Amino acid sequence: MTSLLTSVTNLIIHIISSLGYAGVGFLMALQTVAVPIPSEVILPFAGFLVSSGRFNLVLLALIGGLGSCLGSSIAYWIGYKGGRPLVEHYGKYILISHSDLNRTEKFFAKFGSIAVFIGQLLPIVRSFIGFFAGTAEENFKKFLLSVFVGSFLWSLVLGYVGVKLGQNWSSLHTKFQKFDVLIIVIIVILISLYIWRHVRHLRRRTVD
């Protein structure tokens, strides 16, 4: 695992060093379509380059926001065009029902903009929320605005931390790994509760 993270980090450094702002935008776009590239490495390293005079912090945050909009738009339209048909045809095999889809749509109708905004501030979640928003047919313009604002702030904060850390920017990823583990644990618990609820519901229907 350590060697894999080292390889990913080296790849990120190479791409940003070679392509500059375009590399940051490209990596942030990939990161928001479920490609496992941690923004906790992309942005602090770019922040380090701000401290060395190569980048501008505000422009870096702008590029981070626009790159996230590009990747999230792809994820959104994949979910919008393919998410519902997949659920309707194959959802029963993974315990997803029409009522679950309807609840998701109601959730996004009520909390969509806030959920997408907060999702941009959470590692892992920000990589997948576009797909769920598209599947729930969240308003695209509102979705895109929430993505940009959330990702701009995320890029600004992590870039600024990278500026302050300087050559020690990589230490931030180590600290974020604990947070990543916490998010993964929460997701696993929620999935387990979801499966348990559906299995219990199926058992009740069988008994009745």
N, C-alpha and C. Protein backbone atom coordinates (compact mmCIF):
# COMPACT_ATOMS: atom_id res chain seq x y z
N MET A 1 0.82 -1.21 0.00
CA MET A 1 0.00 0.00 0.00
C MET A 1 0.87 1.27 0.00
N THR A 2 1.94 1.25 0.83
CA THR A 2 2.82 2.41 0.91
C THR A 2 3.49 2.68 -0.42
N SER A 3 3.93 1.61 -1.09
CA SER A 3 4.60 1.78 -2.38
C SER A 3 3.63 2.33 -3.42
N LEU A 4 2.35 1.91 -3.33
CA LEU A 4 1.34 2.41 -4.26
C LEU A 4 1.11 3.90 -4.05
N LEU A 5 0.99 4.32 -2.78
CA LEU A 5 0.79 5.73 -2.47
C LEU A 5 1.99 6.56 -2.92
N THR A 6 3.17 6.01 -2.75
CA THR A 6 4.38 6.70 -3.18
C THR A 6 4.39 6.88 -4.69
N SER A 7 3.96 5.83 -5.41
CA SER A 7 3.91 5.90 -6.87
C SER A 7 2.90 6.94 -7.34
N VAL A 8 1.72 6.96 -6.68
CA VAL A 8 0.69 7.94 -7.03
C VAL A 8 1.18 9.35 -6.75
N THR A 9 1.83 9.54 -5.60
CA THR A 9 2.37 10.85 -5.25
C THR A 9 3.40 11.31 -6.26
N ASN A 10 4.30 10.42 -6.64
CA ASN A 10 5.33 10.76 -7.63
C ASN A 10 4.70 11.11 -8.98
N LEU A 11 3.64 10.40 -9.35
CA LEU A 11 2.94 10.69 -10.60
C LEU A 11 2.31 12.08 -10.55
N ILE A 12 1.67 12.40 -9.43
CA ILE A 12 1.05 13.72 -9.26
C ILE A 12 2.10 14.82 -9.37
N ILE A 13 3.21 14.64 -8.69
CA ILE A 13 4.29 15.63 -8.74
C ILE A 13 4.79 15.82 -10.17
N HIS A 14 4.95 14.71 -10.88
CA HIS A 14 5.45 14.78 -12.25
C HIS A 14 4.47 15.52 -13.16
N ILE A 15 3.19 15.20 -13.05
CA ILE A 15 2.18 15.83 -13.92
C ILE A 15 2.08 17.33 -13.65
N ILE A 16 2.03 17.72 -12.38
CA ILE A 16 1.92 19.14 -12.05
C ILE A 16 3.20 19.89 -12.42
N SER A 17 4.34 19.27 -12.16
CA SER A 17 5.61 19.91 -12.50
C SER A 17 5.75 20.11 -14.00
N SER A 18 5.19 19.17 -14.78
CA SER A 18 5.32 19.24 -16.23
C SER A 18 4.27 20.14 -16.88
N LEU A 19 3.03 20.08 -16.36
CA LEU A 19 1.92 20.77 -17.03
C LEU A 19 1.45 22.03 -16.31
N GLY A 20 1.93 22.27 -15.10
CA GLY A 20 1.55 23.47 -14.38
C GLY A 20 0.08 23.46 -13.99
N TYR A 21 -0.60 24.61 -14.20
CA TYR A 21 -2.01 24.72 -13.84
C TYR A 21 -2.86 23.68 -14.56
N ALA A 22 -2.52 23.40 -15.82
CA ALA A 22 -3.28 22.40 -16.59
C ALA A 22 -3.22 21.04 -15.91
N GLY A 23 -2.06 20.72 -15.32
CA GLY A 23 -1.92 19.46 -14.61
C GLY A 23 -2.79 19.40 -13.38
N VAL A 24 -2.89 20.53 -12.66
CA VAL A 24 -3.76 20.60 -11.48
C VAL A 24 -5.22 20.38 -11.89
N GLY A 25 -5.64 21.10 -12.94
CA GLY A 25 -7.02 20.96 -13.41
C GLY A 25 -7.33 19.56 -13.88
N PHE A 26 -6.39 18.96 -14.61
CA PHE A 26 -6.57 17.59 -15.11
C PHE A 26 -6.71 16.60 -13.96
N LEU A 27 -5.85 16.70 -12.97
CA LEU A 27 -5.89 15.78 -11.83
C LEU A 27 -7.15 15.97 -10.99
N MET A 28 -7.57 17.21 -10.80
CA MET A 28 -8.79 17.47 -10.03
C MET A 28 -10.02 16.96 -10.76
N ALA A 29 -9.99 17.03 -12.10
CA ALA A 29 -11.10 16.48 -12.89
C ALA A 29 -11.16 14.97 -12.73
N LEU A 30 -10.00 14.31 -12.84
CA LEU A 30 -9.97 12.85 -12.68
C LEU A 30 -10.44 12.45 -11.28
N GLN A 31 -10.03 13.24 -10.30
CA GLN A 31 -10.32 12.91 -8.90
C GLN A 31 -11.81 12.93 -8.59
N THR A 32 -12.58 13.67 -9.37
CA THR A 32 -14.02 13.77 -9.10
C THR A 32 -14.84 12.83 -9.98
N VAL A 33 -14.18 11.93 -10.70
CA VAL A 33 -14.91 10.87 -11.42
C VAL A 33 -14.44 9.50 -10.91
N ALA A 34 -14.25 9.44 -9.59
CA ALA A 34 -13.96 8.18 -8.90
C ALA A 34 -12.60 7.59 -9.23
N VAL A 35 -11.69 8.38 -9.79
CA VAL A 35 -10.31 7.92 -9.98
C VAL A 35 -9.55 8.18 -8.68
N PRO A 36 -8.91 7.16 -8.10
CA PRO A 36 -8.29 7.31 -6.76
C PRO A 36 -7.02 8.16 -6.77
N ILE A 37 -7.18 9.46 -7.00
CA ILE A 37 -6.07 10.40 -6.94
C ILE A 37 -6.39 11.39 -5.82
N PRO A 38 -5.68 11.36 -4.71
CA PRO A 38 -6.04 12.19 -3.55
C PRO A 38 -5.76 13.67 -3.76
N SER A 39 -6.81 14.48 -3.59
CA SER A 39 -6.62 15.93 -3.67
C SER A 39 -5.76 16.43 -2.52
N GLU A 40 -5.64 15.62 -1.45
CA GLU A 40 -4.79 15.99 -0.33
C GLU A 40 -3.31 15.94 -0.69
N VAL A 41 -3.00 15.39 -1.86
CA VAL A 41 -1.63 15.43 -2.39
C VAL A 41 -1.53 16.49 -3.48
N ILE A 42 -2.53 16.53 -4.36
CA ILE A 42 -2.52 17.48 -5.48
C ILE A 42 -2.38 18.91 -5.00
N LEU A 43 -3.26 19.31 -4.09
CA LEU A 43 -3.36 20.73 -3.71
C LEU A 43 -2.24 21.20 -2.77
N PRO A 44 -1.83 20.43 -1.77
CA PRO A 44 -0.70 20.89 -0.95
C PRO A 44 0.60 21.00 -1.76
N PHE A 45 0.82 20.08 -2.70
CA PHE A 45 2.02 20.20 -3.54
C PHE A 45 1.94 21.45 -4.40
N ALA A 46 0.74 21.70 -4.97
CA ALA A 46 0.55 22.92 -5.76
C ALA A 46 0.73 24.15 -4.87
N GLY A 47 0.29 24.04 -3.60
CA GLY A 47 0.49 25.13 -2.65
C GLY A 47 1.97 25.38 -2.39
N PHE A 48 2.73 24.31 -2.32
CA PHE A 48 4.18 24.43 -2.17
C PHE A 48 4.77 25.21 -3.36
N LEU A 49 4.24 24.97 -4.56
CA LEU A 49 4.71 25.69 -5.74
C LEU A 49 4.28 27.16 -5.69
N VAL A 50 3.18 27.44 -4.98
CA VAL A 50 2.80 28.84 -4.75
C VAL A 50 3.88 29.52 -3.90
N SER A 51 4.32 28.82 -2.87
CA SER A 51 5.34 29.39 -1.98
C SER A 51 6.66 29.62 -2.69
N SER A 52 6.90 28.85 -3.76
CA SER A 52 8.14 29.02 -4.52
C SER A 52 8.00 30.04 -5.65
N GLY A 53 6.78 30.59 -5.79
CA GLY A 53 6.57 31.64 -6.78
C GLY A 53 6.08 31.16 -8.13
N ARG A 54 5.86 29.85 -8.30
CA ARG A 54 5.44 29.35 -9.61
C ARG A 54 3.94 29.53 -9.83
N PHE A 55 3.13 29.34 -8.78
CA PHE A 55 1.68 29.45 -8.89
C PHE A 55 1.18 30.65 -8.09
N ASN A 56 -0.05 31.04 -8.40
CA ASN A 56 -0.78 32.03 -7.61
C ASN A 56 -1.89 31.29 -6.87
N LEU A 57 -2.06 31.58 -5.58
CA LEU A 57 -2.98 30.81 -4.75
C LEU A 57 -4.43 30.92 -5.22
N VAL A 58 -4.88 32.12 -5.51
CA VAL A 58 -6.27 32.30 -5.94
C VAL A 58 -6.51 31.63 -7.28
N LEU A 59 -5.55 31.78 -8.20
CA LEU A 59 -5.69 31.13 -9.51
C LEU A 59 -5.66 29.61 -9.36
N LEU A 60 -4.85 29.13 -8.43
CA LEU A 60 -4.81 27.70 -8.15
C LEU A 60 -6.18 27.20 -7.69
N ALA A 61 -6.81 27.94 -6.76
CA ALA A 61 -8.14 27.56 -6.27
C ALA A 61 -9.17 27.61 -7.40
N LEU A 62 -9.04 28.60 -8.28
CA LEU A 62 -9.96 28.70 -9.42
C LEU A 62 -9.81 27.50 -10.35
N ILE A 63 -8.57 27.13 -10.64
CA ILE A 63 -8.32 25.96 -11.49
C ILE A 63 -8.83 24.69 -10.82
N GLY A 64 -8.63 24.58 -9.51
CA GLY A 64 -9.13 23.42 -8.78
C GLY A 64 -10.64 23.32 -8.85
N GLY A 65 -11.31 24.47 -8.73
CA GLY A 65 -12.77 24.49 -8.82
C GLY A 65 -13.27 24.13 -10.21
N LEU A 66 -12.62 24.68 -11.23
CA LEU A 66 -13.04 24.40 -12.61
C LEU A 66 -12.75 22.95 -12.99
N GLY A 67 -11.60 22.42 -12.55
CA GLY A 67 -11.29 21.02 -12.83
C GLY A 67 -12.29 20.08 -12.18
N SER A 68 -12.69 20.41 -10.95
CA SER A 68 -13.69 19.61 -10.26
C SER A 68 -15.04 19.68 -10.96
N CYS A 69 -15.37 20.86 -11.48
CA CYS A 69 -16.63 21.01 -12.23
C CYS A 69 -16.63 20.12 -13.47
N LEU A 70 -15.49 20.06 -14.15
CA LEU A 70 -15.39 19.22 -15.35
C LEU A 70 -15.59 17.75 -15.00
N GLY A 71 -14.83 17.26 -14.01
CA GLY A 71 -14.95 15.86 -13.62
C GLY A 71 -16.31 15.52 -13.05
N SER A 72 -16.84 16.41 -12.21
CA SER A 72 -18.15 16.17 -11.60
C SER A 72 -19.26 16.19 -12.64
N SER A 73 -19.10 17.01 -13.67
CA SER A 73 -20.11 17.05 -14.75
C SER A 73 -20.16 15.71 -15.48
N ILE A 74 -18.98 15.12 -15.72
CA ILE A 74 -18.94 13.81 -16.36
C ILE A 74 -19.63 12.77 -15.49
N ALA A 75 -19.30 12.78 -14.18
CA ALA A 75 -19.93 11.84 -13.25
C ALA A 75 -21.44 12.06 -13.18
N TYR A 76 -21.84 13.33 -13.17
CA TYR A 76 -23.26 13.68 -13.11
C TYR A 76 -24.01 13.09 -14.30
N TRP A 77 -23.49 13.31 -15.51
CA TRP A 77 -24.21 12.86 -16.71
C TRP A 77 -24.18 11.35 -16.87
N ILE A 78 -23.14 10.71 -16.34
CA ILE A 78 -23.13 9.24 -16.31
C ILE A 78 -24.28 8.75 -15.43
N GLY A 79 -24.42 9.38 -14.26
CA GLY A 79 -25.51 9.02 -13.35
C GLY A 79 -26.86 9.39 -13.93
N TYR A 80 -26.95 10.55 -14.56
CA TYR A 80 -28.22 11.03 -15.11
C TYR A 80 -28.72 10.14 -16.25
N LYS A 81 -27.80 9.73 -17.12
CA LYS A 81 -28.18 8.92 -18.29
C LYS A 81 -28.25 7.43 -17.99
N GLY A 82 -27.37 6.98 -17.10
CA GLY A 82 -27.29 5.54 -16.88
C GLY A 82 -27.67 5.05 -15.51
N GLY A 83 -27.69 5.95 -14.51
CA GLY A 83 -27.94 5.52 -13.15
C GLY A 83 -29.31 4.92 -12.93
N ARG A 84 -30.36 5.63 -13.35
CA ARG A 84 -31.72 5.14 -13.15
C ARG A 84 -31.99 3.84 -13.91
N PRO A 85 -31.63 3.74 -15.20
CA PRO A 85 -31.85 2.47 -15.92
C PRO A 85 -31.13 1.30 -15.26
N LEU A 86 -29.90 1.55 -14.75
CA LEU A 86 -29.17 0.47 -14.09
C LEU A 86 -29.89 0.02 -12.82
N VAL A 87 -30.39 1.01 -12.04
CA VAL A 87 -31.11 0.68 -10.82
C VAL A 87 -32.40 -0.07 -11.14
N GLU A 88 -33.12 0.40 -12.15
CA GLU A 88 -34.40 -0.21 -12.50
C GLU A 88 -34.23 -1.65 -12.99
N HIS A 89 -33.13 -1.93 -13.69
CA HIS A 89 -32.94 -3.27 -14.24
C HIS A 89 -32.17 -4.20 -13.31
N TYR A 90 -31.18 -3.64 -12.60
CA TYR A 90 -30.30 -4.51 -11.82
C TYR A 90 -30.26 -4.17 -10.34
N GLY A 91 -31.03 -3.15 -9.92
CA GLY A 91 -31.00 -2.73 -8.52
C GLY A 91 -31.35 -3.83 -7.54
N LYS A 92 -32.26 -4.71 -7.92
CA LYS A 92 -32.70 -5.76 -6.99
C LYS A 92 -31.57 -6.70 -6.62
N TYR A 93 -30.57 -6.81 -7.50
CA TYR A 93 -29.45 -7.71 -7.23
C TYR A 93 -28.48 -7.13 -6.20
N ILE A 94 -28.54 -5.82 -5.99
CA ILE A 94 -27.68 -5.18 -4.99
C ILE A 94 -28.53 -4.46 -3.94
N LEU A 95 -29.76 -4.93 -3.78
CA LEU A 95 -30.68 -4.47 -2.74
C LEU A 95 -31.04 -2.99 -2.86
N ILE A 96 -31.14 -2.50 -4.09
CA ILE A 96 -31.60 -1.12 -4.31
C ILE A 96 -32.96 -1.19 -4.99
N SER A 97 -33.97 -0.62 -4.35
CA SER A 97 -35.32 -0.68 -4.87
C SER A 97 -35.74 0.67 -5.46
N HIS A 98 -36.92 0.68 -6.09
CA HIS A 98 -37.46 1.93 -6.63
C HIS A 98 -37.71 2.93 -5.51
N SER A 99 -38.13 2.45 -4.36
CA SER A 99 -38.38 3.35 -3.24
C SER A 99 -37.08 4.00 -2.76
N ASP A 100 -35.98 3.25 -2.82
CA ASP A 100 -34.68 3.83 -2.46
C ASP A 100 -34.31 4.95 -3.43
N LEU A 101 -34.56 4.71 -4.70
CA LEU A 101 -34.28 5.72 -5.71
C LEU A 101 -35.15 6.96 -5.50
N ASN A 102 -36.40 6.73 -5.16
CA ASN A 102 -37.31 7.85 -4.90
C ASN A 102 -36.87 8.65 -3.67
N ARG A 103 -36.40 7.94 -2.64
CA ARG A 103 -35.92 8.62 -1.44
C ARG A 103 -34.68 9.45 -1.76
N THR A 104 -33.82 8.92 -2.62
CA THR A 104 -32.63 9.66 -3.02
C THR A 104 -33.00 10.93 -3.75
N GLU A 105 -34.00 10.82 -4.63
CA GLU A 105 -34.46 12.00 -5.37
C GLU A 105 -35.05 13.05 -4.42
N LYS A 106 -35.82 12.59 -3.43
CA LYS A 106 -36.41 13.53 -2.47
C LYS A 106 -35.32 14.19 -1.63
N PHE A 107 -34.30 13.42 -1.28
CA PHE A 107 -33.20 13.97 -0.49
C PHE A 107 -32.49 15.08 -1.26
N PHE A 108 -32.18 14.82 -2.53
CA PHE A 108 -31.50 15.83 -3.33
C PHE A 108 -32.40 17.01 -3.65
N ALA A 109 -33.69 16.74 -3.76
CA ALA A 109 -34.63 17.84 -3.99
C ALA A 109 -34.64 18.80 -2.80
N LYS A 110 -34.44 18.26 -1.60
CA LYS A 110 -34.49 19.05 -0.38
C LYS A 110 -33.12 19.58 0.05
N PHE A 111 -32.09 18.73 -0.06
CA PHE A 111 -30.77 19.09 0.46
C PHE A 111 -29.68 19.07 -0.60
N GLY A 112 -30.06 18.96 -1.87
CA GLY A 112 -29.08 18.73 -2.93
C GLY A 112 -27.92 19.69 -2.93
N SER A 113 -28.18 20.98 -2.96
CA SER A 113 -27.10 21.98 -3.04
C SER A 113 -26.18 21.90 -1.83
N ILE A 114 -26.77 21.75 -0.64
CA ILE A 114 -25.96 21.67 0.59
C ILE A 114 -25.15 20.38 0.59
N ALA A 115 -25.79 19.26 0.19
CA ALA A 115 -25.11 17.97 0.19
C ALA A 115 -23.93 17.97 -0.77
N VAL A 116 -24.13 18.54 -1.95
CA VAL A 116 -23.05 18.59 -2.94
C VAL A 116 -21.92 19.48 -2.45
N PHE A 117 -22.28 20.63 -1.86
CA PHE A 117 -21.27 21.55 -1.33
C PHE A 117 -20.43 20.86 -0.25
N ILE A 118 -21.09 20.24 0.73
CA ILE A 118 -20.37 19.57 1.81
C ILE A 118 -19.56 18.41 1.26
N GLY A 119 -20.13 17.71 0.25
CA GLY A 119 -19.43 16.59 -0.35
C GLY A 119 -18.10 16.99 -0.95
N GLN A 120 -18.00 18.23 -1.45
CA GLN A 120 -16.75 18.70 -2.03
C GLN A 120 -15.67 18.93 -0.98
N LEU A 121 -16.07 19.01 0.28
CA LEU A 121 -15.12 19.24 1.36
C LEU A 121 -14.72 17.95 2.07
N LEU A 122 -15.19 16.81 1.55
CA LEU A 122 -14.90 15.53 2.18
C LEU A 122 -14.13 14.62 1.23
N PRO A 123 -12.95 14.16 1.62
CA PRO A 123 -12.24 13.18 0.79
C PRO A 123 -13.11 11.96 0.56
N ILE A 124 -12.91 11.29 -0.56
CA ILE A 124 -13.64 10.09 -0.97
C ILE A 124 -15.05 10.46 -1.44
N VAL A 125 -15.83 11.13 -0.56
CA VAL A 125 -17.21 11.50 -0.91
C VAL A 125 -17.23 12.35 -2.16
N ARG A 126 -16.29 13.30 -2.27
CA ARG A 126 -16.28 14.23 -3.40
C ARG A 126 -16.05 13.51 -4.73
N SER A 127 -15.51 12.30 -4.66
CA SER A 127 -15.24 11.54 -5.88
C SER A 127 -16.48 10.85 -6.43
N PHE A 128 -17.53 10.71 -5.62
CA PHE A 128 -18.69 9.92 -6.03
C PHE A 128 -20.01 10.69 -6.04
N ILE A 129 -20.05 11.84 -5.39
CA ILE A 129 -21.33 12.50 -5.21
C ILE A 129 -21.95 12.97 -6.51
N GLY A 130 -21.12 13.24 -7.52
CA GLY A 130 -21.65 13.65 -8.82
C GLY A 130 -22.53 12.58 -9.44
N PHE A 131 -22.12 11.33 -9.31
CA PHE A 131 -22.90 10.22 -9.87
C PHE A 131 -24.25 10.12 -9.20
N PHE A 132 -24.27 10.23 -7.87
CA PHE A 132 -25.54 10.13 -7.14
C PHE A 132 -26.45 11.32 -7.44
N ALA A 133 -25.85 12.50 -7.57
CA ALA A 133 -26.65 13.68 -7.90
C ALA A 133 -27.27 13.54 -9.28
N GLY A 134 -26.53 12.97 -10.23
CA GLY A 134 -27.06 12.75 -11.56
C GLY A 134 -28.16 11.70 -11.57
N THR A 135 -27.96 10.63 -10.83
CA THR A 135 -28.97 9.58 -10.73
C THR A 135 -30.26 10.13 -10.14
N ALA A 136 -30.12 11.04 -9.18
CA ALA A 136 -31.30 11.65 -8.54
C ALA A 136 -31.87 12.80 -9.37
N GLU A 137 -31.22 13.09 -10.51
CA GLU A 137 -31.67 14.16 -11.41
C GLU A 137 -31.71 15.51 -10.71
N GLU A 138 -30.69 15.78 -9.91
CA GLU A 138 -30.51 17.08 -9.29
C GLU A 138 -30.38 18.15 -10.38
N ASN A 139 -30.90 19.34 -10.13
CA ASN A 139 -30.78 20.43 -11.10
C ASN A 139 -29.31 20.67 -11.43
N PHE A 140 -28.97 20.60 -12.71
CA PHE A 140 -27.56 20.60 -13.11
C PHE A 140 -26.88 21.93 -12.79
N LYS A 141 -27.55 23.05 -13.03
CA LYS A 141 -26.93 24.35 -12.78
C LYS A 141 -26.64 24.55 -11.29
N LYS A 142 -27.60 24.16 -10.44
CA LYS A 142 -27.38 24.26 -9.00
C LYS A 142 -26.26 23.32 -8.57
N PHE A 143 -26.26 22.13 -9.15
CA PHE A 143 -25.23 21.15 -8.85
C PHE A 143 -23.85 21.70 -9.18
N LEU A 144 -23.71 22.27 -10.37
CA LEU A 144 -22.43 22.78 -10.83
C LEU A 144 -21.95 23.95 -9.97
N LEU A 145 -22.88 24.82 -9.58
CA LEU A 145 -22.51 25.94 -8.72
C LEU A 145 -22.01 25.45 -7.36
N SER A 146 -22.70 24.46 -6.79
CA SER A 146 -22.28 23.91 -5.50
C SER A 146 -20.93 23.25 -5.59
N VAL A 147 -20.70 22.53 -6.69
CA VAL A 147 -19.40 21.89 -6.90
C VAL A 147 -18.30 22.93 -6.95
N PHE A 148 -18.53 23.99 -7.73
CA PHE A 148 -17.49 25.01 -7.91
C PHE A 148 -17.17 25.71 -6.59
N VAL A 149 -18.20 26.15 -5.88
CA VAL A 149 -17.97 26.88 -4.63
C VAL A 149 -17.27 25.99 -3.61
N GLY A 150 -17.77 24.76 -3.45
CA GLY A 150 -17.16 23.85 -2.48
C GLY A 150 -15.73 23.49 -2.84
N SER A 151 -15.50 23.20 -4.11
CA SER A 151 -14.16 22.80 -4.54
C SER A 151 -13.19 23.99 -4.55
N PHE A 152 -13.70 25.18 -4.86
CA PHE A 152 -12.85 26.38 -4.79
C PHE A 152 -12.33 26.57 -3.37
N LEU A 153 -13.23 26.45 -2.38
CA LEU A 153 -12.84 26.61 -0.98
C LEU A 153 -11.88 25.50 -0.56
N TRP A 154 -12.18 24.27 -0.98
CA TRP A 154 -11.32 23.12 -0.67
C TRP A 154 -9.92 23.34 -1.23
N SER A 155 -9.85 23.80 -2.48
CA SER A 155 -8.56 24.05 -3.13
C SER A 155 -7.82 25.20 -2.47
N LEU A 156 -8.56 26.23 -2.08
CA LEU A 156 -7.96 27.40 -1.45
C LEU A 156 -7.34 27.04 -0.10
N VAL A 157 -8.09 26.28 0.70
CA VAL A 157 -7.61 25.91 2.04
C VAL A 157 -6.41 24.98 1.95
N LEU A 158 -6.52 23.90 1.15
CA LEU A 158 -5.41 22.95 1.07
C LEU A 158 -4.20 23.58 0.38
N GLY A 159 -4.45 24.45 -0.60
CA GLY A 159 -3.34 25.15 -1.23
C GLY A 159 -2.64 26.07 -0.24
N TYR A 160 -3.41 26.76 0.58
CA TYR A 160 -2.84 27.66 1.59
C TYR A 160 -2.02 26.87 2.62
N VAL A 161 -2.54 25.72 3.03
CA VAL A 161 -1.79 24.87 3.97
C VAL A 161 -0.48 24.44 3.34
N GLY A 162 -0.52 24.12 2.03
CA GLY A 162 0.71 23.76 1.32
C GLY A 162 1.71 24.90 1.28
N VAL A 163 1.20 26.12 1.16
CA VAL A 163 2.07 27.31 1.19
C VAL A 163 2.78 27.39 2.54
N LYS A 164 2.02 27.21 3.62
CA LYS A 164 2.57 27.33 4.97
C LYS A 164 3.55 26.19 5.30
N LEU A 165 3.23 25.00 4.80
CA LEU A 165 4.09 23.86 5.10
C LEU A 165 5.37 23.86 4.27
N GLY A 166 5.31 24.49 3.10
CA GLY A 166 6.49 24.54 2.24
C GLY A 166 6.95 23.16 1.82
N GLN A 167 8.22 22.89 2.02
CA GLN A 167 8.77 21.60 1.61
C GLN A 167 8.22 20.43 2.43
N ASN A 168 7.55 20.73 3.52
CA ASN A 168 6.93 19.68 4.35
C ASN A 168 5.49 19.43 3.97
N TRP A 169 5.08 19.85 2.76
CA TRP A 169 3.69 19.73 2.31
C TRP A 169 3.18 18.29 2.37
N SER A 170 4.05 17.31 2.12
CA SER A 170 3.61 15.91 2.07
C SER A 170 3.12 15.38 3.41
N SER A 171 3.48 16.06 4.51
CA SER A 171 3.04 15.60 5.83
C SER A 171 1.53 15.73 5.99
N LEU A 172 0.92 16.61 5.20
CA LEU A 172 -0.53 16.80 5.30
C LEU A 172 -1.28 15.55 4.88
N HIS A 173 -0.78 14.86 3.85
CA HIS A 173 -1.47 13.66 3.37
C HIS A 173 -1.47 12.58 4.44
N THR A 174 -0.37 12.48 5.19
CA THR A 174 -0.31 11.49 6.27
C THR A 174 -1.39 11.76 7.32
N LYS A 175 -1.60 13.03 7.63
CA LYS A 175 -2.62 13.39 8.60
C LYS A 175 -4.02 13.12 8.05
N PHE A 176 -4.22 13.37 6.76
CA PHE A 176 -5.52 13.16 6.16
C PHE A 176 -5.86 11.68 6.02
N GLN A 177 -4.84 10.82 6.00
CA GLN A 177 -5.11 9.38 5.86
C GLN A 177 -5.99 8.87 6.99
N LYS A 178 -5.79 9.39 8.20
CA LYS A 178 -6.61 8.99 9.34
C LYS A 178 -8.06 9.42 9.11
N PHE A 179 -8.25 10.61 8.54
CA PHE A 179 -9.58 11.09 8.24
C PHE A 179 -10.22 10.24 7.15
N ASP A 180 -9.42 9.84 6.16
CA ASP A 180 -9.92 8.97 5.09
C ASP A 180 -10.43 7.65 5.66
N VAL A 181 -9.66 7.09 6.59
CA VAL A 181 -10.04 5.82 7.22
C VAL A 181 -11.37 5.99 7.96
N LEU A 182 -11.52 7.12 8.67
CA LEU A 182 -12.77 7.38 9.40
C LEU A 182 -13.95 7.43 8.44
N ILE A 183 -13.80 8.12 7.32
CA ILE A 183 -14.87 8.21 6.33
C ILE A 183 -15.21 6.84 5.77
N ILE A 184 -14.19 6.04 5.48
CA ILE A 184 -14.42 4.69 4.96
C ILE A 184 -15.19 3.85 5.97
N VAL A 185 -14.81 3.95 7.25
CA VAL A 185 -15.50 3.20 8.31
C VAL A 185 -16.97 3.62 8.38
N ILE A 186 -17.23 4.92 8.31
CA ILE A 186 -18.61 5.42 8.35
C ILE A 186 -19.41 4.89 7.17
N ILE A 187 -18.79 4.92 5.98
CA ILE A 187 -19.46 4.43 4.77
C ILE A 187 -19.78 2.94 4.90
N VAL A 188 -18.82 2.16 5.41
CA VAL A 188 -19.04 0.72 5.58
C VAL A 188 -20.17 0.46 6.57
N ILE A 189 -20.21 1.23 7.66
CA ILE A 189 -21.29 1.08 8.64
C ILE A 189 -22.64 1.39 8.02
N LEU A 190 -22.71 2.49 7.25
CA LEU A 190 -23.97 2.88 6.62
C LEU A 190 -24.43 1.82 5.61
N ILE A 191 -23.49 1.28 4.85
CA ILE A 191 -23.83 0.23 3.88
C ILE A 191 -24.33 -1.02 4.61
N SER A 192 -23.66 -1.36 5.71
CA SER A 192 -24.05 -2.53 6.49
C SER A 192 -25.47 -2.36 7.06
N LEU A 193 -25.76 -1.17 7.58
CA LEU A 193 -27.11 -0.89 8.10
C LEU A 193 -28.15 -0.94 6.99
N TYR A 194 -27.76 -0.44 5.82
CA TYR A 194 -28.67 -0.45 4.67
C TYR A 194 -29.01 -1.89 4.26
N ILE A 195 -27.97 -2.73 4.19
CA ILE A 195 -28.18 -4.14 3.82
C ILE A 195 -29.01 -4.85 4.87
N TRP A 196 -28.70 -4.60 6.15
CA TRP A 196 -29.45 -5.24 7.24
C TRP A 196 -30.93 -4.86 7.18
N ARG A 197 -31.20 -3.58 6.90
CA ARG A 197 -32.60 -3.13 6.83
C ARG A 197 -33.34 -3.83 5.70
N HIS A 198 -32.68 -3.97 4.55
CA HIS A 198 -33.33 -4.60 3.41
C HIS A 198 -33.53 -6.10 3.62
N VAL A 199 -32.55 -6.74 4.22
CA VAL A 199 -32.67 -8.18 4.49
C VAL A 199 -33.80 -8.43 5.48
N ARG A 200 -33.90 -7.60 6.52
CA ARG A 200 -34.98 -7.72 7.50
C ARG A 200 -36.34 -7.50 6.84
N HIS A 201 -36.40 -6.53 5.92
CA HIS A 201 -37.65 -6.25 5.22
C HIS A 201 -38.06 -7.44 4.35
N LEU A 202 -37.07 -8.06 3.69
CA LEU A 202 -37.37 -9.23 2.84
C LEU A 202 -37.84 -10.39 3.68
N ARG A 203 -37.26 -10.58 4.84
CA ARG A 203 -37.67 -11.67 5.73
C ARG A 203 -39.10 -11.48 6.21
N ARG A 204 -39.45 -10.26 6.53
CA ARG A 204 -40.81 -9.97 6.98
C ARG A 204 -41.82 -10.26 5.85
N ARG A 205 -41.46 -9.88 4.64
CA ARG A 205 -42.35 -10.13 3.51
C ARG A 205 -42.53 -11.63 3.27
N THR A 206 -41.42 -12.39 3.49
CA THR A 206 -41.48 -13.84 3.30
C THR A 206 -42.38 -14.48 4.35
N VAL A 207 -42.27 -14.01 5.60
CA VAL A 207 -43.10 -14.55 6.69
C VAL A 207 -44.56 -14.23 6.46
N ASP A 208 -44.84 -12.98 6.04
CA ASP A 208 -46.22 -12.58 5.79
C ASP A 208 -46.84 -13.36 4.61
